[in-house]
Amino acid sequence: MKKVTDFLKTCGIGFYVTFAAIVTSIVCLILFGVGLSQGYQSWGSFVCLLVLILADVALVAFKKEAFAPAVSTILSALAIGFFIYVSYNYVAIVITGIDIESFNADWIMSVVFYVLTYALSVASIFVPWAKKDKQAIESKESE
């Protein structure tokens, strides 16, 4: 537990923004299971979100967190791209009113969380991952 608290002492806002992107990715994966039968979910976006979660956790575990924002942004962009590509037919059917006359609430929630995941991933690039006084914290702990 001491290692976790020491790690969290050195984390900046970027870590928490990336963590929020991971949480929204998990919500997107849950919504994937809900919307799979409706035909507006893509297996490509599922794989991208799963790799995003695993890659971010692995990068933090191996202390290569500097690469996590870039990996998150690329994978979340691919995931939202696959989602948009597959959702095209669903949106066309709803707009023309052939079989369905209104958007499904699950689809709307998926759109919100895909966009939120992408926005948080992009935001994590611009905020610092470590506190400015990381060296001061480490020197105090070694004394």
C-alpha atoms as a PDB file:
ATOM      1  CA  MET A   1       0.000   0.000   0.000  1.00  0.00           C
ATOM      2  CA  LYS A   2       2.924   2.321   0.663  1.00  0.00           C
ATOM      3  CA  LYS A   3       4.059   2.011  -2.959  1.00  0.00           C
ATOM      4  CA  VAL A   4       0.632   3.074  -4.177  1.00  0.00           C
ATOM      5  CA  THR A   5       0.495   6.109  -1.901  1.00  0.00           C
ATOM      6  CA  ASP A   6       4.042   7.081  -2.877  1.00  0.00           C
ATOM      7  CA  PHE A   7       3.124   6.759  -6.534  1.00  0.00           C
ATOM      8  CA  LEU A   8      -0.024   8.869  -6.111  1.00  0.00           C
ATOM      9  CA  LYS A   9       2.005  11.593  -4.340  1.00  0.00           C
ATOM     10  CA  THR A  10       4.068  12.107  -7.493  1.00  0.00           C
ATOM     11  CA  CYS A  11       1.125  11.966  -9.923  1.00  0.00           C
ATOM     12  CA  GLY A  12      -0.155  15.120 -11.521  1.00  0.00           C
ATOM     13  CA  ILE A  13      -3.443  15.950 -13.149  1.00  0.00           C
ATOM     14  CA  GLY A  14      -2.510  14.038 -16.307  1.00  0.00           C
ATOM     15  CA  PHE A  15      -2.606  10.732 -14.474  1.00  0.00           C
ATOM     16  CA  TYR A  16      -6.135  11.374 -13.260  1.00  0.00           C
ATOM     17  CA  VAL A  17      -7.309  12.525 -16.698  1.00  0.00           C
ATOM     18  CA  THR A  18      -5.885   9.351 -18.227  1.00  0.00           C
ATOM     19  CA  PHE A  19      -7.506   7.308 -15.467  1.00  0.00           C
ATOM     20  CA  ALA A  20     -10.833   8.967 -16.310  1.00  0.00           C
ATOM     21  CA  ALA A  21     -10.293   8.015 -19.973  1.00  0.00           C
ATOM     22  CA  ILE A  22      -9.743   4.414 -18.884  1.00  0.00           C
ATOM     23  CA  VAL A  23     -12.963   4.479 -16.852  1.00  0.00           C
ATOM     24  CA  THR A  24     -14.962   5.895 -19.772  1.00  0.00           C
ATOM     25  CA  SER A  25     -13.411   3.211 -21.992  1.00  0.00           C
ATOM     26  CA  ILE A  26     -14.701   0.568 -19.595  1.00  0.00           C
ATOM     27  CA  VAL A  27     -18.172   2.142 -19.807  1.00  0.00           C
ATOM     28  CA  CYS A  28     -17.903   2.044 -23.619  1.00  0.00           C
ATOM     29  CA  LEU A  29     -17.066  -1.666 -23.414  1.00  0.00           C
ATOM     30  CA  ILE A  30     -20.155  -2.259 -21.279  1.00  0.00           C
ATOM     31  CA  LEU A  31     -22.288  -0.306 -23.757  1.00  0.00           C
ATOM     32  CA  PHE A  32     -20.743  -2.405 -26.528  1.00  0.00           C
ATOM     33  CA  GLY A  33     -22.341  -5.494 -25.024  1.00  0.00           C
ATOM     34  CA  VAL A  34     -25.686  -3.720 -24.837  1.00  0.00           C
ATOM     35  CA  GLY A  35     -25.627  -2.425 -28.415  1.00  0.00           C
ATOM     36  CA  LEU A  36     -24.128  -5.421 -30.173  1.00  0.00           C
ATOM     37  CA  SER A  37     -27.511  -6.857 -31.096  1.00  0.00           C
ATOM     38  CA  GLN A  38     -28.686  -3.488 -32.471  1.00  0.00           C
ATOM     39  CA  GLY A  39     -25.986  -3.439 -35.150  1.00  0.00           C
ATOM     40  CA  TYR A  40     -24.317  -0.126 -34.348  1.00  0.00           C
ATOM     41  CA  GLN A  41     -21.257  -1.469 -32.525  1.00  0.00           C
ATOM     42  CA  SER A  42     -17.971  -2.443 -34.109  1.00  0.00           C
ATOM     43  CA  TRP A  43     -15.627  -5.198 -33.034  1.00  0.00           C
ATOM     44  CA  GLY A  44     -12.765  -2.963 -34.147  1.00  0.00           C
ATOM     45  CA  SER A  45     -13.754  -0.321 -31.605  1.00  0.00           C
ATOM     46  CA  PHE A  46     -14.045  -3.017 -28.939  1.00  0.00           C
ATOM     47  CA  VAL A  47     -10.499  -4.207 -29.643  1.00  0.00           C
ATOM     48  CA  CYS A  48      -9.139  -0.635 -29.681  1.00  0.00           C
ATOM     49  CA  LEU A  49     -10.738   0.172 -26.331  1.00  0.00           C
ATOM     50  CA  LEU A  50      -9.522  -3.062 -24.796  1.00  0.00           C
ATOM     51  CA  VAL A  51      -5.972  -2.424 -26.040  1.00  0.00           C
ATOM     52  CA  LEU A  52      -6.217   1.165 -24.752  1.00  0.00           C
ATOM     53  CA  ILE A  53      -7.013  -0.056 -21.245  1.00  0.00           C
ATOM     54  CA  LEU A  54      -4.349  -2.766 -21.248  1.00  0.00           C
ATOM     55  CA  ALA A  55      -1.680  -0.534 -22.805  1.00  0.00           C
ATOM     56  CA  ASP A  56      -2.233   2.304 -20.334  1.00  0.00           C
ATOM     57  CA  VAL A  57      -2.090  -0.046 -17.373  1.00  0.00           C
ATOM     58  CA  ALA A  58       1.061  -1.713 -18.751  1.00  0.00           C
ATOM     59  CA  LEU A  59       2.763   1.620 -19.448  1.00  0.00           C
ATOM     60  CA  VAL A  60       2.094   2.811 -15.906  1.00  0.00           C
ATOM     61  CA  ALA A  61       3.217  -0.522 -14.454  1.00  0.00           C
ATOM     62  CA  PHE A  62       6.502  -0.419 -16.379  1.00  0.00           C
ATOM     63  CA  LYS A  63       7.057   3.288 -15.588  1.00  0.00           C
ATOM     64  CA  LYS A  64       6.729   4.419 -19.214  1.00  0.00           C
ATOM     65  CA  GLU A  65       3.768   6.684 -18.503  1.00  0.00           C
ATOM     66  CA  ALA A  66       5.085   9.385 -20.831  1.00  0.00           C
ATOM     67  CA  PHE A  67       3.739   7.357 -23.757  1.00  0.00           C
ATOM     68  CA  ALA A  68       0.286   6.730 -22.264  1.00  0.00           C
ATOM     69  CA  PRO A  69      -1.414   9.939 -23.500  1.00  0.00           C
ATOM     70  CA  ALA A  70      -0.301   9.359 -27.095  1.00  0.00           C
ATOM     71  CA  VAL A  71      -1.335   5.701 -27.046  1.00  0.00           C
ATOM     72  CA  SER A  72      -4.698   6.607 -25.498  1.00  0.00           C
ATOM     73  CA  THR A  73      -5.379   9.292 -28.069  1.00  0.00           C
ATOM     74  CA  ILE A  74      -4.498   7.109 -31.055  1.00  0.00           C
ATOM     75  CA  LEU A  75      -6.519   4.138 -29.840  1.00  0.00           C
ATOM     76  CA  SER A  76      -9.546   6.189 -28.804  1.00  0.00           C
ATOM     77  CA  ALA A  77      -9.511   7.946 -32.192  1.00  0.00           C
ATOM     78  CA  LEU A  78      -9.462   4.573 -33.935  1.00  0.00           C
ATOM     79  CA  ALA A  79     -12.275   3.319 -31.690  1.00  0.00           C
ATOM     80  CA  ILE A  80     -14.498   6.304 -32.409  1.00  0.00           C
ATOM     81  CA  GLY A  81     -13.689   5.997 -36.110  1.00  0.00           C
ATOM     82  CA  PHE A  82     -14.772   2.355 -36.183  1.00  0.00           C
ATOM     83  CA  PHE A  83     -17.903   3.275 -34.228  1.00  0.00           C
ATOM     84  CA  ILE A  84     -18.821   6.037 -36.680  1.00  0.00           C
ATOM     85  CA  TYR A  85     -18.179   3.749 -39.650  1.00  0.00           C
ATOM     86  CA  VAL A  86     -20.510   1.048 -38.333  1.00  0.00           C
ATOM     87  CA  SER A  87     -23.121   3.505 -37.007  1.00  0.00           C
ATOM     88  CA  TYR A  88     -23.628   5.034 -40.444  1.00  0.00           C
ATOM     89  CA  ASN A  89     -26.276   2.495 -41.477  1.00  0.00           C
ATOM     90  CA  TYR A  90     -28.051   2.775 -38.127  1.00  0.00           C
ATOM     91  CA  VAL A  91     -28.222   6.579 -38.409  1.00  0.00           C
ATOM     92  CA  ALA A  92     -29.416   6.349 -42.025  1.00  0.00           C
ATOM     93  CA  ILE A  93     -32.210   3.960 -41.037  1.00  0.00           C
ATOM     94  CA  VAL A  94     -33.355   6.204 -38.202  1.00  0.00           C
ATOM     95  CA  ILE A  95     -33.236   9.382 -40.272  1.00  0.00           C
ATOM     96  CA  THR A  96     -35.243   7.888 -43.136  1.00  0.00           C
ATOM     97  CA  GLY A  97     -37.633   6.253 -40.674  1.00  0.00           C
ATOM     98  CA  ILE A  98     -37.669   2.889 -42.448  1.00  0.00           C
ATOM     99  CA  ASP A  99     -37.671   0.515 -39.481  1.00  0.00           C
ATOM    100  CA  ILE A 100     -36.857   2.718 -36.498  1.00  0.00           C
ATOM    101  CA  GLU A 101     -38.210   6.215 -35.915  1.00  0.00           C
ATOM    102  CA  SER A 102     -36.029   7.380 -33.035  1.00  0.00           C
ATOM    103  CA  PHE A 103     -32.505   6.890 -31.781  1.00  0.00           C
ATOM    104  CA  ASN A 104     -31.956   4.241 -29.153  1.00  0.00           C
ATOM    105  CA  ALA A 105     -30.873   5.531 -25.718  1.00  0.00           C
ATOM    106  CA  ASP A 106     -28.020   3.009 -25.740  1.00  0.00           C
ATOM    107  CA  TRP A 107     -26.707   4.482 -28.986  1.00  0.00           C
ATOM    108  CA  ILE A 108     -26.858   8.017 -27.583  1.00  0.00           C
ATOM    109  CA  MET A 109     -24.980   6.912 -24.451  1.00  0.00           C
ATOM    110  CA  SER A 110     -22.391   5.173 -26.646  1.00  0.00           C
ATOM    111  CA  VAL A 111     -21.849   8.358 -28.637  1.00  0.00           C
ATOM    112  CA  VAL A 112     -21.458  10.394 -25.440  1.00  0.00           C
ATOM    113  CA  PHE A 113     -18.935   8.007 -23.896  1.00  0.00           C
ATOM    114  CA  TYR A 114     -16.915   7.508 -27.102  1.00  0.00           C
ATOM    115  CA  VAL A 115     -16.600  11.284 -27.481  1.00  0.00           C
ATOM    116  CA  LEU A 116     -15.796  11.660 -23.779  1.00  0.00           C
ATOM    117  CA  THR A 117     -13.094   8.988 -24.007  1.00  0.00           C
ATOM    118  CA  TYR A 118     -11.525  10.708 -26.990  1.00  0.00           C
ATOM    119  CA  ALA A 119     -11.732  14.162 -25.380  1.00  0.00           C
ATOM    120  CA  LEU A 120     -10.133  12.944 -22.153  1.00  0.00           C
ATOM    121  CA  SER A 121      -7.389  11.175 -24.105  1.00  0.00           C
ATOM    122  CA  VAL A 122      -6.574  14.339 -26.036  1.00  0.00           C
ATOM    123  CA  ALA A 123      -6.708  16.413 -22.839  1.00  0.00           C
ATOM    124  CA  SER A 124      -4.242  14.071 -21.164  1.00  0.00           C
ATOM    125  CA  ILE A 125      -1.605  15.116 -23.700  1.00  0.00           C
ATOM    126  CA  PHE A 126      -1.688  18.714 -22.531  1.00  0.00           C
ATOM    127  CA  VAL A 127      -1.644  18.272 -18.761  1.00  0.00           C
ATOM    128  CA  PRO A 128       1.431  17.187 -16.801  1.00  0.00           C
ATOM    129  CA  TRP A 129       1.661  13.580 -15.646  1.00  0.00           C
ATOM    130  CA  ALA A 130       4.013  14.289 -12.760  1.00  0.00           C
ATOM    131  CA  LYS A 131       4.028  17.053 -10.225  1.00  0.00           C
ATOM    132  CA  LYS A 132       6.583  19.772 -10.786  1.00  0.00           C
ATOM    133  CA  ASP A 133       8.347  19.039  -7.517  1.00  0.00           C
ATOM    134  CA  LYS A 134       8.737  15.299  -8.113  1.00  0.00           C
ATOM    135  CA  GLN A 135      12.464  15.480  -7.373  1.00  0.00           C
ATOM    136  CA  ALA A 136      11.784  17.325  -4.114  1.00  0.00           C
ATOM    137  CA  ILE A 137       9.299  14.668  -3.044  1.00  0.00           C
ATOM    138  CA  GLU A 138      11.747  11.881  -3.884  1.00  0.00           C
ATOM    139  CA  SER A 139      14.608  13.594  -2.030  1.00  0.00           C
ATOM    140  CA  LYS A 140      12.440  14.047   1.089  1.00  0.00           C
ATOM    141  CA  GLU A 141      11.525  10.370   1.062  1.00  0.00           C
ATOM    142  CA  SER A 142      15.167   9.270   0.755  1.00  0.00           C
ATOM    143  CA  GLU A 143      16.219  11.346   3.792  1.00  0.00           C
END
